[in-house]
């Protein structure tokens, strides 16, 4: 399943961040209602980030769940110095990295000679926006990791350039440059895919 999100305004995002951070702090004290609201407020952002970071929509829900399990396990250490969103996305990033390491260390077995065709047959079809979502994932997957992450955090998740810079540990100008280059590369790829094939000589 492909996750999509419409960009929120800066005011809306700031309000969501403040509320989610307050709910996280309340959940730390054992407030179950606040814990549920914290998850609902940020679940889609985490899912979007995990999908684009991992490039694997099939495992995104498991990784999102793992992110929240890890977050609640370390919630007692969350003090609200950064927003709950930024804190949660850093946990999601580690969850994805750990899944890559685990997958690389695990042997892969298949009971079919054409495992790729078998995987493709299990993909959902006919869902609204499915093909567009897959196309976007393919385009994003072709970007260098740093540019893809900067683009997803700012254009999909909705973090500001300053928040993304703090999250990724680089300068704001670097984030702007990565997003600009990612956008230009995506535009070139998209226009190239849409261009009609040249007639045969």
N, C-alpha and C. Protein backbone atom coordinates (compact mmCIF):
# COMPACT_ATOMS: atom_id res chain seq x y z
N UNK A 1 0.85 -1.19 0.00
CA UNK A 1 0.00 0.00 0.00
C UNK A 1 0.88 1.23 0.00
N UNK A 2 0.60 2.18 -0.86
CA UNK A 2 1.40 3.39 -0.98
C UNK A 2 0.82 4.49 -0.12
N UNK A 3 1.66 5.07 0.72
CA UNK A 3 1.19 6.14 1.60
C UNK A 3 1.32 7.46 0.90
N UNK A 4 0.30 8.31 1.03
CA UNK A 4 0.36 9.64 0.47
C UNK A 4 -0.05 10.64 1.53
N UNK A 5 0.42 11.85 1.39
CA UNK A 5 0.06 12.89 2.35
C UNK A 5 0.03 14.23 1.64
N UNK A 6 -0.96 15.05 1.95
CA UNK A 6 -1.01 16.39 1.39
C UNK A 6 -0.22 17.33 2.30
N UNK A 7 0.62 18.19 1.75
CA UNK A 7 1.41 19.08 2.59
C UNK A 7 0.51 19.98 3.44
N UNK A 8 0.81 20.07 4.71
CA UNK A 8 0.06 20.95 5.60
C UNK A 8 0.73 22.31 5.61
N UNK A 9 -0.03 23.33 5.98
CA UNK A 9 0.55 24.65 6.09
C UNK A 9 1.49 24.68 7.29
N UNK A 10 2.38 25.67 7.31
CA UNK A 10 3.33 25.78 8.42
C UNK A 10 2.61 25.93 9.76
N UNK A 11 1.50 26.69 9.77
CA UNK A 11 0.73 26.88 11.00
C UNK A 11 0.10 25.58 11.47
N UNK A 12 -0.50 24.85 10.52
CA UNK A 12 -1.13 23.57 10.87
C UNK A 12 -0.10 22.59 11.39
N UNK A 13 1.07 22.55 10.73
CA UNK A 13 2.10 21.60 11.15
C UNK A 13 2.64 21.97 12.53
N UNK A 14 2.82 23.26 12.79
CA UNK A 14 3.31 23.70 14.10
C UNK A 14 2.31 23.32 15.19
N UNK A 15 1.01 23.47 14.88
CA UNK A 15 -0.01 23.11 15.86
C UNK A 15 -0.01 21.61 16.11
N UNK A 16 0.13 20.82 15.04
CA UNK A 16 0.18 19.36 15.19
C UNK A 16 1.40 18.95 15.98
N UNK A 17 2.54 19.56 15.69
CA UNK A 17 3.77 19.23 16.42
C UNK A 17 3.63 19.54 17.90
N UNK A 18 3.07 20.71 18.23
CA UNK A 18 2.90 21.09 19.63
C UNK A 18 1.97 20.12 20.35
N UNK A 19 0.86 19.76 19.68
CA UNK A 19 -0.10 18.84 20.29
C UNK A 19 0.51 17.45 20.46
N UNK A 20 1.20 16.96 19.41
CA UNK A 20 1.79 15.63 19.48
C UNK A 20 2.86 15.55 20.56
N UNK A 21 3.63 16.61 20.70
CA UNK A 21 4.66 16.64 21.74
C UNK A 21 4.03 16.63 23.12
N UNK A 22 2.95 17.39 23.28
CA UNK A 22 2.24 17.40 24.57
C UNK A 22 1.65 16.03 24.87
N UNK A 23 1.10 15.37 23.85
CA UNK A 23 0.53 14.04 24.06
C UNK A 23 1.62 13.03 24.41
N UNK A 24 2.79 13.15 23.76
CA UNK A 24 3.89 12.24 24.07
C UNK A 24 4.33 12.41 25.52
N UNK A 25 4.41 13.65 25.99
CA UNK A 25 4.81 13.90 27.38
C UNK A 25 3.75 13.38 28.35
N UNK A 26 2.47 13.52 27.98
CA UNK A 26 1.41 13.00 28.83
C UNK A 26 1.42 11.48 28.83
N UNK A 27 1.69 10.88 27.66
CA UNK A 27 1.75 9.42 27.57
C UNK A 27 2.90 8.88 28.41
N UNK A 28 3.96 9.65 28.51
CA UNK A 28 5.09 9.24 29.34
C UNK A 28 4.67 9.04 30.79
N UNK A 29 3.66 9.80 31.20
CA UNK A 29 3.15 9.70 32.58
C UNK A 29 2.05 8.65 32.72
N UNK A 30 1.77 7.92 31.63
CA UNK A 30 0.80 6.84 31.72
C UNK A 30 -0.59 7.15 31.20
N UNK A 31 -0.76 8.27 30.53
CA UNK A 31 -2.06 8.65 30.00
C UNK A 31 -2.30 7.90 28.69
N UNK A 32 -3.17 6.88 28.71
CA UNK A 32 -3.41 6.04 27.54
C UNK A 32 -4.13 6.81 26.43
N UNK A 33 -5.03 7.68 26.81
CA UNK A 33 -5.74 8.48 25.80
C UNK A 33 -4.75 9.36 25.05
N UNK A 34 -3.82 9.95 25.77
CA UNK A 34 -2.80 10.79 25.12
C UNK A 34 -1.92 9.94 24.22
N UNK A 35 -1.61 8.71 24.63
CA UNK A 35 -0.78 7.82 23.82
C UNK A 35 -1.47 7.51 22.49
N UNK A 36 -2.78 7.26 22.54
CA UNK A 36 -3.52 6.97 21.32
C UNK A 36 -3.54 8.19 20.39
N UNK A 37 -3.72 9.36 20.95
CA UNK A 37 -3.75 10.58 20.12
C UNK A 37 -2.37 10.87 19.53
N UNK A 38 -1.33 10.59 20.29
CA UNK A 38 0.05 10.75 19.81
C UNK A 38 0.28 9.86 18.58
N UNK A 39 -0.15 8.61 18.66
CA UNK A 39 0.03 7.68 17.53
C UNK A 39 -0.78 8.14 16.33
N UNK A 40 -2.04 8.50 16.54
CA UNK A 40 -2.90 8.93 15.43
C UNK A 40 -2.35 10.19 14.75
N UNK A 41 -1.80 11.10 15.54
CA UNK A 41 -1.31 12.36 14.99
C UNK A 41 -0.11 12.18 14.06
N UNK A 42 0.75 11.21 14.38
CA UNK A 42 2.01 11.09 13.64
C UNK A 42 2.16 9.81 12.84
N UNK A 43 1.18 8.93 12.90
CA UNK A 43 1.29 7.64 12.22
C UNK A 43 1.53 7.80 10.72
N UNK A 44 0.77 8.66 10.06
CA UNK A 44 0.90 8.80 8.61
C UNK A 44 2.25 9.39 8.22
N UNK A 45 2.76 10.34 9.01
CA UNK A 45 4.07 10.91 8.72
C UNK A 45 5.16 9.84 8.80
N UNK A 46 5.09 9.02 9.84
CA UNK A 46 6.08 7.95 10.00
C UNK A 46 5.96 6.96 8.85
N UNK A 47 4.73 6.59 8.50
CA UNK A 47 4.52 5.63 7.41
C UNK A 47 5.08 6.17 6.09
N UNK A 48 4.79 7.43 5.77
CA UNK A 48 5.32 8.04 4.54
C UNK A 48 6.84 8.02 4.53
N UNK A 49 7.43 8.41 5.64
CA UNK A 49 8.88 8.47 5.74
C UNK A 49 9.49 7.08 5.57
N UNK A 50 8.91 6.09 6.24
CA UNK A 50 9.44 4.73 6.17
C UNK A 50 9.30 4.17 4.75
N UNK A 51 8.17 4.42 4.10
CA UNK A 51 7.97 3.92 2.73
C UNK A 51 9.06 4.47 1.81
N UNK A 52 9.30 5.77 1.88
CA UNK A 52 10.27 6.38 0.97
C UNK A 52 11.71 6.09 1.36
N UNK A 53 11.96 5.92 2.65
CA UNK A 53 13.32 5.63 3.08
C UNK A 53 13.70 4.19 2.77
N UNK A 54 12.76 3.28 2.98
CA UNK A 54 13.05 1.86 2.76
C UNK A 54 12.86 1.46 1.30
N UNK A 55 11.98 2.19 0.58
CA UNK A 55 11.68 1.80 -0.79
C UNK A 55 10.87 0.52 -0.88
N UNK A 56 10.24 0.11 0.22
CA UNK A 56 9.51 -1.16 0.25
C UNK A 56 8.15 -0.97 0.91
N UNK A 57 7.11 -0.66 0.13
CA UNK A 57 5.78 -0.44 0.72
C UNK A 57 5.24 -1.68 1.44
N UNK A 58 5.72 -2.87 1.04
CA UNK A 58 5.19 -4.10 1.63
C UNK A 58 5.56 -4.26 3.10
N UNK A 59 6.72 -3.74 3.51
CA UNK A 59 7.14 -3.88 4.91
C UNK A 59 6.97 -2.58 5.69
N UNK A 60 6.44 -1.55 5.04
CA UNK A 60 6.36 -0.24 5.68
C UNK A 60 5.49 -0.25 6.93
N UNK A 61 4.38 -0.97 6.90
CA UNK A 61 3.50 -1.00 8.07
C UNK A 61 4.19 -1.68 9.26
N UNK A 62 4.93 -2.76 8.98
CA UNK A 62 5.66 -3.43 10.06
C UNK A 62 6.73 -2.51 10.64
N UNK A 63 7.44 -1.79 9.77
CA UNK A 63 8.48 -0.89 10.24
C UNK A 63 7.88 0.30 11.00
N UNK A 64 6.72 0.75 10.57
CA UNK A 64 6.04 1.83 11.29
C UNK A 64 5.62 1.36 12.68
N UNK A 65 5.08 0.15 12.75
CA UNK A 65 4.70 -0.40 14.05
C UNK A 65 5.93 -0.56 14.94
N UNK A 66 7.03 -1.05 14.35
CA UNK A 66 8.27 -1.20 15.11
C UNK A 66 8.75 0.15 15.63
N UNK A 67 8.59 1.20 14.82
CA UNK A 67 8.99 2.54 15.25
C UNK A 67 8.23 2.95 16.50
N UNK A 68 6.92 2.75 16.50
CA UNK A 68 6.12 3.14 17.67
C UNK A 68 6.41 2.26 18.88
N UNK A 69 6.67 0.97 18.66
CA UNK A 69 7.04 0.09 19.77
C UNK A 69 8.34 0.59 20.41
N UNK A 70 9.31 0.94 19.58
CA UNK A 70 10.57 1.48 20.10
C UNK A 70 10.35 2.81 20.81
N UNK A 71 9.48 3.64 20.23
CA UNK A 71 9.22 4.95 20.83
C UNK A 71 8.61 4.80 22.22
N UNK A 72 7.63 3.93 22.36
CA UNK A 72 7.00 3.76 23.68
C UNK A 72 7.96 3.10 24.67
N UNK A 73 8.90 2.30 24.14
CA UNK A 73 9.90 1.70 25.02
C UNK A 73 10.89 2.70 25.57
N UNK A 74 11.08 3.80 24.84
CA UNK A 74 12.03 4.82 25.30
C UNK A 74 11.35 6.15 25.63
N UNK A 75 10.04 6.11 25.76
CA UNK A 75 9.28 7.34 26.01
C UNK A 75 9.67 8.00 27.33
N UNK A 76 10.10 7.18 28.29
CA UNK A 76 10.49 7.75 29.59
C UNK A 76 11.69 8.69 29.47
N UNK A 77 12.45 8.57 28.36
CA UNK A 77 13.61 9.44 28.16
C UNK A 77 13.28 10.67 27.32
N UNK A 78 12.07 10.73 26.76
CA UNK A 78 11.68 11.87 25.93
C UNK A 78 11.31 13.05 26.83
N UNK A 79 11.99 14.18 26.62
CA UNK A 79 11.77 15.36 27.46
C UNK A 79 11.16 16.53 26.71
N UNK A 80 10.88 16.35 25.42
CA UNK A 80 10.23 17.41 24.67
C UNK A 80 11.16 18.52 24.23
N UNK A 81 12.47 18.32 24.26
CA UNK A 81 13.39 19.37 23.80
C UNK A 81 13.28 19.57 22.29
N UNK A 82 13.08 18.47 21.57
CA UNK A 82 12.75 18.53 20.14
C UNK A 82 11.29 18.13 20.01
N UNK A 83 10.70 18.38 18.86
CA UNK A 83 9.31 17.98 18.68
C UNK A 83 9.21 16.46 18.68
N UNK A 84 8.04 15.95 19.05
CA UNK A 84 7.82 14.50 19.04
C UNK A 84 7.97 13.95 17.63
N UNK A 85 7.60 14.74 16.62
CA UNK A 85 7.72 14.29 15.23
C UNK A 85 9.19 14.03 14.88
N UNK A 86 10.06 15.00 15.19
CA UNK A 86 11.48 14.84 14.89
C UNK A 86 12.07 13.65 15.63
N UNK A 87 11.71 13.53 16.91
CA UNK A 87 12.18 12.41 17.73
C UNK A 87 11.73 11.08 17.14
N UNK A 88 10.47 11.02 16.71
CA UNK A 88 9.91 9.78 16.17
C UNK A 88 10.54 9.42 14.83
N UNK A 89 10.79 10.42 13.98
CA UNK A 89 11.40 10.13 12.69
C UNK A 89 12.84 9.63 12.84
N UNK A 90 13.53 10.10 13.87
CA UNK A 90 14.89 9.58 14.11
C UNK A 90 14.83 8.11 14.52
N UNK A 91 13.79 7.73 15.26
CA UNK A 91 13.61 6.33 15.63
C UNK A 91 13.26 5.50 14.39
N UNK A 92 12.41 6.07 13.52
CA UNK A 92 12.04 5.37 12.28
C UNK A 92 13.27 5.14 11.41
N UNK A 93 14.13 6.12 11.36
CA UNK A 93 15.35 5.98 10.56
C UNK A 93 16.21 4.82 11.06
N UNK A 94 16.34 4.71 12.38
CA UNK A 94 17.10 3.58 12.95
C UNK A 94 16.41 2.25 12.70
N UNK A 95 15.08 2.24 12.77
CA UNK A 95 14.33 1.00 12.52
C UNK A 95 14.56 0.51 11.09
N UNK A 96 14.55 1.43 10.14
CA UNK A 96 14.78 1.05 8.74
C UNK A 96 16.22 0.55 8.56
N UNK A 97 17.17 1.26 9.15
CA UNK A 97 18.58 0.84 9.05
C UNK A 97 18.78 -0.54 9.65
N UNK A 98 18.16 -0.79 10.80
CA UNK A 98 18.27 -2.11 11.43
C UNK A 98 17.65 -3.20 10.56
N UNK A 99 16.54 -2.87 9.89
CA UNK A 99 15.89 -3.87 9.03
C UNK A 99 16.78 -4.20 7.84
N UNK A 100 17.50 -3.19 7.31
CA UNK A 100 18.43 -3.45 6.21
C UNK A 100 19.56 -4.37 6.67
N UNK A 101 20.10 -4.08 7.85
CA UNK A 101 21.18 -4.92 8.37
C UNK A 101 20.71 -6.35 8.60
N UNK A 102 19.50 -6.48 9.15
CA UNK A 102 18.96 -7.82 9.44
C UNK A 102 18.72 -8.58 8.13
N UNK A 103 18.17 -7.90 7.11
CA UNK A 103 17.90 -8.55 5.83
C UNK A 103 19.19 -8.97 5.15
N UNK A 104 20.23 -8.14 5.28
CA UNK A 104 21.51 -8.46 4.63
C UNK A 104 22.17 -9.67 5.26
N UNK A 105 21.92 -9.87 6.55
CA UNK A 105 22.56 -10.98 7.26
C UNK A 105 21.77 -12.28 7.15
N UNK A 106 20.53 -12.21 6.65
CA UNK A 106 19.66 -13.38 6.61
C UNK A 106 19.66 -13.99 5.22
N UNK A 107 19.89 -15.30 5.11
CA UNK A 107 19.82 -15.93 3.78
C UNK A 107 18.40 -15.90 3.26
N UNK A 108 18.25 -15.74 1.96
CA UNK A 108 16.94 -15.67 1.35
C UNK A 108 16.65 -16.97 0.60
N UNK A 109 15.56 -17.58 0.94
CA UNK A 109 15.17 -18.84 0.32
C UNK A 109 13.90 -18.63 -0.48
N UNK A 110 13.79 -19.31 -1.58
CA UNK A 110 12.58 -19.23 -2.40
C UNK A 110 12.29 -20.61 -2.97
N UNK A 111 11.00 -20.95 -3.02
CA UNK A 111 10.62 -22.26 -3.55
C UNK A 111 10.16 -22.15 -5.01
N UNK A 112 10.58 -21.09 -5.67
CA UNK A 112 10.24 -20.92 -7.07
C UNK A 112 11.46 -20.42 -7.82
N UNK A 113 11.57 -20.82 -9.08
CA UNK A 113 12.73 -20.40 -9.85
C UNK A 113 12.62 -18.94 -10.28
N UNK A 114 11.40 -18.44 -10.40
CA UNK A 114 11.19 -17.05 -10.81
C UNK A 114 10.57 -16.28 -9.66
N UNK A 115 11.37 -15.97 -8.64
CA UNK A 115 10.84 -15.32 -7.45
C UNK A 115 10.36 -13.90 -7.74
N UNK A 116 10.99 -13.21 -8.69
CA UNK A 116 10.58 -11.84 -8.98
C UNK A 116 9.16 -11.80 -9.56
N UNK A 117 8.86 -12.72 -10.46
CA UNK A 117 7.50 -12.79 -11.02
C UNK A 117 6.50 -13.14 -9.93
N UNK A 118 6.90 -14.02 -9.00
CA UNK A 118 6.00 -14.39 -7.91
C UNK A 118 5.69 -13.20 -7.02
N UNK A 119 6.71 -12.38 -6.74
CA UNK A 119 6.51 -11.18 -5.93
C UNK A 119 5.59 -10.20 -6.64
N UNK A 120 5.81 -10.00 -7.95
CA UNK A 120 4.98 -9.06 -8.70
C UNK A 120 3.52 -9.50 -8.72
N UNK A 121 3.26 -10.81 -8.73
CA UNK A 121 1.88 -11.30 -8.75
C UNK A 121 1.16 -11.01 -7.44
N UNK A 122 1.92 -10.80 -6.34
CA UNK A 122 1.29 -10.54 -5.04
C UNK A 122 1.00 -9.06 -4.83
N UNK A 123 1.47 -8.19 -5.74
CA UNK A 123 1.26 -6.76 -5.56
C UNK A 123 -0.21 -6.41 -5.78
N UNK A 124 -0.77 -5.49 -4.98
CA UNK A 124 -2.16 -5.08 -5.20
C UNK A 124 -2.30 -4.30 -6.50
N UNK A 125 -3.37 -4.52 -7.21
CA UNK A 125 -3.62 -3.83 -8.47
C UNK A 125 -5.00 -3.19 -8.43
N UNK A 126 -5.20 -2.20 -9.27
CA UNK A 126 -6.51 -1.61 -9.42
C UNK A 126 -6.91 -0.66 -8.30
N UNK A 127 -6.00 -0.32 -7.38
CA UNK A 127 -6.33 0.62 -6.32
C UNK A 127 -6.17 2.04 -6.84
N UNK A 128 -7.03 2.97 -6.41
CA UNK A 128 -6.88 4.36 -6.86
C UNK A 128 -5.51 4.92 -6.51
N UNK A 129 -4.81 5.44 -7.50
CA UNK A 129 -3.51 6.04 -7.27
C UNK A 129 -2.37 5.05 -7.12
N UNK A 130 -2.66 3.73 -7.28
CA UNK A 130 -1.61 2.74 -7.06
C UNK A 130 -0.46 2.90 -8.05
N UNK A 131 -0.81 2.96 -9.34
CA UNK A 131 0.23 3.05 -10.36
C UNK A 131 1.05 4.32 -10.21
N UNK A 132 0.39 5.45 -9.89
CA UNK A 132 1.10 6.71 -9.68
C UNK A 132 2.03 6.61 -8.49
N UNK A 133 1.56 5.95 -7.43
CA UNK A 133 2.39 5.78 -6.23
C UNK A 133 3.62 4.95 -6.51
N UNK A 134 3.44 3.86 -7.26
CA UNK A 134 4.58 3.01 -7.63
C UNK A 134 5.56 3.78 -8.50
N UNK A 135 5.01 4.56 -9.44
CA UNK A 135 5.88 5.35 -10.32
C UNK A 135 6.70 6.35 -9.50
N UNK A 136 6.06 7.00 -8.51
CA UNK A 136 6.78 7.95 -7.68
C UNK A 136 7.88 7.25 -6.89
N UNK A 137 7.56 6.08 -6.32
CA UNK A 137 8.58 5.33 -5.58
C UNK A 137 9.75 4.98 -6.47
N UNK A 138 9.47 4.58 -7.70
CA UNK A 138 10.55 4.24 -8.64
C UNK A 138 11.42 5.46 -8.92
N UNK A 139 10.79 6.62 -9.12
CA UNK A 139 11.54 7.84 -9.38
C UNK A 139 12.40 8.23 -8.18
N UNK A 140 11.79 8.16 -6.99
CA UNK A 140 12.53 8.51 -5.77
C UNK A 140 13.68 7.54 -5.52
N UNK A 141 13.47 6.27 -5.85
CA UNK A 141 14.49 5.26 -5.61
C UNK A 141 15.75 5.52 -6.42
N UNK A 142 15.60 6.22 -7.54
CA UNK A 142 16.76 6.51 -8.39
C UNK A 142 17.60 7.66 -7.85
N UNK A 143 17.10 8.39 -6.86
CA UNK A 143 17.85 9.52 -6.30
C UNK A 143 18.93 9.02 -5.34
N UNK A 144 20.03 9.76 -5.20
CA UNK A 144 21.00 9.44 -4.15
C UNK A 144 20.32 9.53 -2.78
N UNK A 145 20.77 8.73 -1.83
CA UNK A 145 20.11 8.63 -0.52
C UNK A 145 19.90 9.98 0.15
N UNK A 146 20.95 10.84 0.15
CA UNK A 146 20.85 12.12 0.86
C UNK A 146 19.79 13.02 0.23
N UNK A 147 19.73 13.03 -1.09
CA UNK A 147 18.74 13.88 -1.77
C UNK A 147 17.32 13.34 -1.55
N UNK A 148 17.19 12.01 -1.62
CA UNK A 148 15.87 11.41 -1.41
C UNK A 148 15.36 11.72 -0.01
N UNK A 149 16.23 11.59 0.99
CA UNK A 149 15.79 11.84 2.36
C UNK A 149 15.40 13.29 2.56
N UNK A 150 16.21 14.22 2.03
CA UNK A 150 15.89 15.65 2.17
C UNK A 150 14.58 15.98 1.47
N UNK A 151 14.35 15.40 0.29
CA UNK A 151 13.12 15.66 -0.45
C UNK A 151 11.91 15.12 0.30
N UNK A 152 12.02 13.89 0.80
CA UNK A 152 10.89 13.27 1.49
C UNK A 152 10.55 14.02 2.77
N UNK A 153 11.57 14.38 3.54
CA UNK A 153 11.33 15.07 4.80
C UNK A 153 10.67 16.43 4.59
N UNK A 154 11.09 17.16 3.56
CA UNK A 154 10.54 18.50 3.36
C UNK A 154 9.27 18.51 2.52
N UNK A 155 9.22 17.69 1.47
CA UNK A 155 8.11 17.77 0.52
C UNK A 155 6.99 16.77 0.81
N UNK A 156 7.30 15.67 1.51
CA UNK A 156 6.29 14.66 1.81
C UNK A 156 5.86 14.72 3.27
N UNK A 157 6.84 14.64 4.17
CA UNK A 157 6.52 14.69 5.60
C UNK A 157 6.15 16.10 6.03
N UNK A 158 6.77 17.11 5.42
CA UNK A 158 6.40 18.49 5.71
C UNK A 158 7.27 19.22 6.71
N UNK A 159 8.47 18.70 6.99
CA UNK A 159 9.38 19.41 7.88
C UNK A 159 9.92 20.65 7.17
N UNK A 160 10.27 21.66 7.94
CA UNK A 160 10.90 22.84 7.36
C UNK A 160 12.35 22.50 7.01
N UNK A 161 12.97 23.38 6.23
CA UNK A 161 14.39 23.16 5.90
C UNK A 161 15.23 23.18 7.17
N UNK A 162 14.88 24.06 8.11
CA UNK A 162 15.64 24.15 9.36
C UNK A 162 15.49 22.86 10.19
N UNK A 163 14.26 22.34 10.27
CA UNK A 163 14.04 21.10 11.02
C UNK A 163 14.76 19.94 10.36
N UNK A 164 14.72 19.90 9.04
CA UNK A 164 15.41 18.82 8.31
C UNK A 164 16.91 18.90 8.51
N UNK A 165 17.43 20.12 8.52
CA UNK A 165 18.87 20.30 8.76
C UNK A 165 19.25 19.77 10.14
N UNK A 166 18.46 20.10 11.14
CA UNK A 166 18.74 19.60 12.48
C UNK A 166 18.61 18.10 12.57
N UNK A 167 17.62 17.56 11.87
CA UNK A 167 17.38 16.12 11.91
C UNK A 167 18.48 15.33 11.23
N UNK A 168 18.97 15.85 10.09
CA UNK A 168 19.98 15.11 9.32
C UNK A 168 21.40 15.51 9.69
N UNK A 169 21.55 16.56 10.47
CA UNK A 169 22.89 16.96 10.90
C UNK A 169 23.70 17.67 9.84
N UNK A 170 23.03 18.44 8.96
CA UNK A 170 23.77 19.20 7.96
C UNK A 170 23.22 20.62 7.90
N UNK A 171 23.90 21.48 7.15
CA UNK A 171 23.51 22.88 7.08
C UNK A 171 22.20 23.07 6.31
N UNK A 172 21.49 24.15 6.62
CA UNK A 172 20.23 24.45 5.94
C UNK A 172 20.47 24.60 4.44
N UNK A 173 21.56 25.27 4.08
CA UNK A 173 21.88 25.44 2.66
C UNK A 173 22.08 24.12 1.95
N UNK A 174 22.65 23.16 2.65
CA UNK A 174 22.85 21.83 2.07
C UNK A 174 21.52 21.15 1.82
N UNK A 175 20.60 21.30 2.78
CA UNK A 175 19.26 20.73 2.61
C UNK A 175 18.58 21.35 1.40
N UNK A 176 18.62 22.68 1.30
CA UNK A 176 18.00 23.36 0.17
C UNK A 176 18.58 22.88 -1.16
N UNK A 177 19.90 22.72 -1.19
CA UNK A 177 20.57 22.26 -2.41
C UNK A 177 20.13 20.84 -2.76
N UNK A 178 20.06 19.96 -1.74
CA UNK A 178 19.66 18.57 -2.00
C UNK A 178 18.23 18.49 -2.51
N UNK A 179 17.34 19.29 -1.90
CA UNK A 179 15.93 19.28 -2.33
C UNK A 179 15.82 19.82 -3.76
N UNK A 180 16.53 20.90 -4.04
CA UNK A 180 16.49 21.49 -5.38
C UNK A 180 16.99 20.51 -6.42
N UNK A 181 18.09 19.83 -6.12
CA UNK A 181 18.65 18.87 -7.08
C UNK A 181 17.74 17.66 -7.23
N UNK A 182 17.13 17.23 -6.11
CA UNK A 182 16.19 16.10 -6.18
C UNK A 182 14.99 16.46 -7.04
N UNK A 183 14.47 17.68 -6.84
CA UNK A 183 13.30 18.12 -7.61
C UNK A 183 13.65 18.19 -9.10
N UNK A 184 14.83 18.72 -9.41
CA UNK A 184 15.24 18.83 -10.81
C UNK A 184 15.41 17.44 -11.43
N UNK A 185 16.00 16.51 -10.67
CA UNK A 185 16.20 15.15 -11.18
C UNK A 185 14.87 14.45 -11.40
N UNK A 186 13.93 14.63 -10.46
CA UNK A 186 12.61 14.01 -10.61
C UNK A 186 11.88 14.57 -11.82
N UNK A 187 12.02 15.89 -12.03
CA UNK A 187 11.36 16.51 -13.18
C UNK A 187 11.94 15.97 -14.48
N UNK A 188 13.28 15.83 -14.53
CA UNK A 188 13.91 15.28 -15.74
C UNK A 188 13.44 13.85 -16.00
N UNK A 189 13.40 13.04 -14.92
CA UNK A 189 12.97 11.65 -15.07
C UNK A 189 11.53 11.56 -15.52
N UNK A 190 10.69 12.41 -14.92
CA UNK A 190 9.27 12.39 -15.26
C UNK A 190 9.06 12.81 -16.72
N UNK A 191 9.72 13.88 -17.13
CA UNK A 191 9.58 14.34 -18.51
C UNK A 191 10.14 13.32 -19.49
N UNK A 192 11.21 12.64 -19.07
CA UNK A 192 11.78 11.61 -19.93
C UNK A 192 10.84 10.43 -20.09
N UNK A 193 10.13 10.07 -18.98
CA UNK A 193 9.20 8.96 -19.05
C UNK A 193 7.97 9.29 -19.88
N UNK A 194 7.61 10.60 -19.87
CA UNK A 194 6.40 11.03 -20.58
C UNK A 194 6.67 11.29 -22.06
N UNK A 195 7.96 11.50 -22.41
CA UNK A 195 8.27 11.85 -23.81
C UNK A 195 7.93 10.69 -24.74
N UNK A 196 7.35 10.96 -25.92
CA UNK A 196 7.05 9.89 -26.86
C UNK A 196 8.34 9.31 -27.44
N UNK A 197 8.29 8.04 -27.73
CA UNK A 197 9.47 7.38 -28.28
C UNK A 197 9.77 7.93 -29.66
N UNK A 198 11.07 8.06 -29.96
CA UNK A 198 11.46 8.57 -31.28
C UNK A 198 11.10 7.54 -32.35
N UNK A 199 10.60 7.98 -33.50
CA UNK A 199 10.25 7.02 -34.57
C UNK A 199 11.48 6.31 -35.09
N UNK A 200 11.30 5.05 -35.43
CA UNK A 200 12.43 4.27 -35.94
C UNK A 200 12.85 4.80 -37.31
N UNK A 201 14.16 4.77 -37.57
CA UNK A 201 14.66 5.26 -38.87
C UNK A 201 14.29 4.29 -39.96
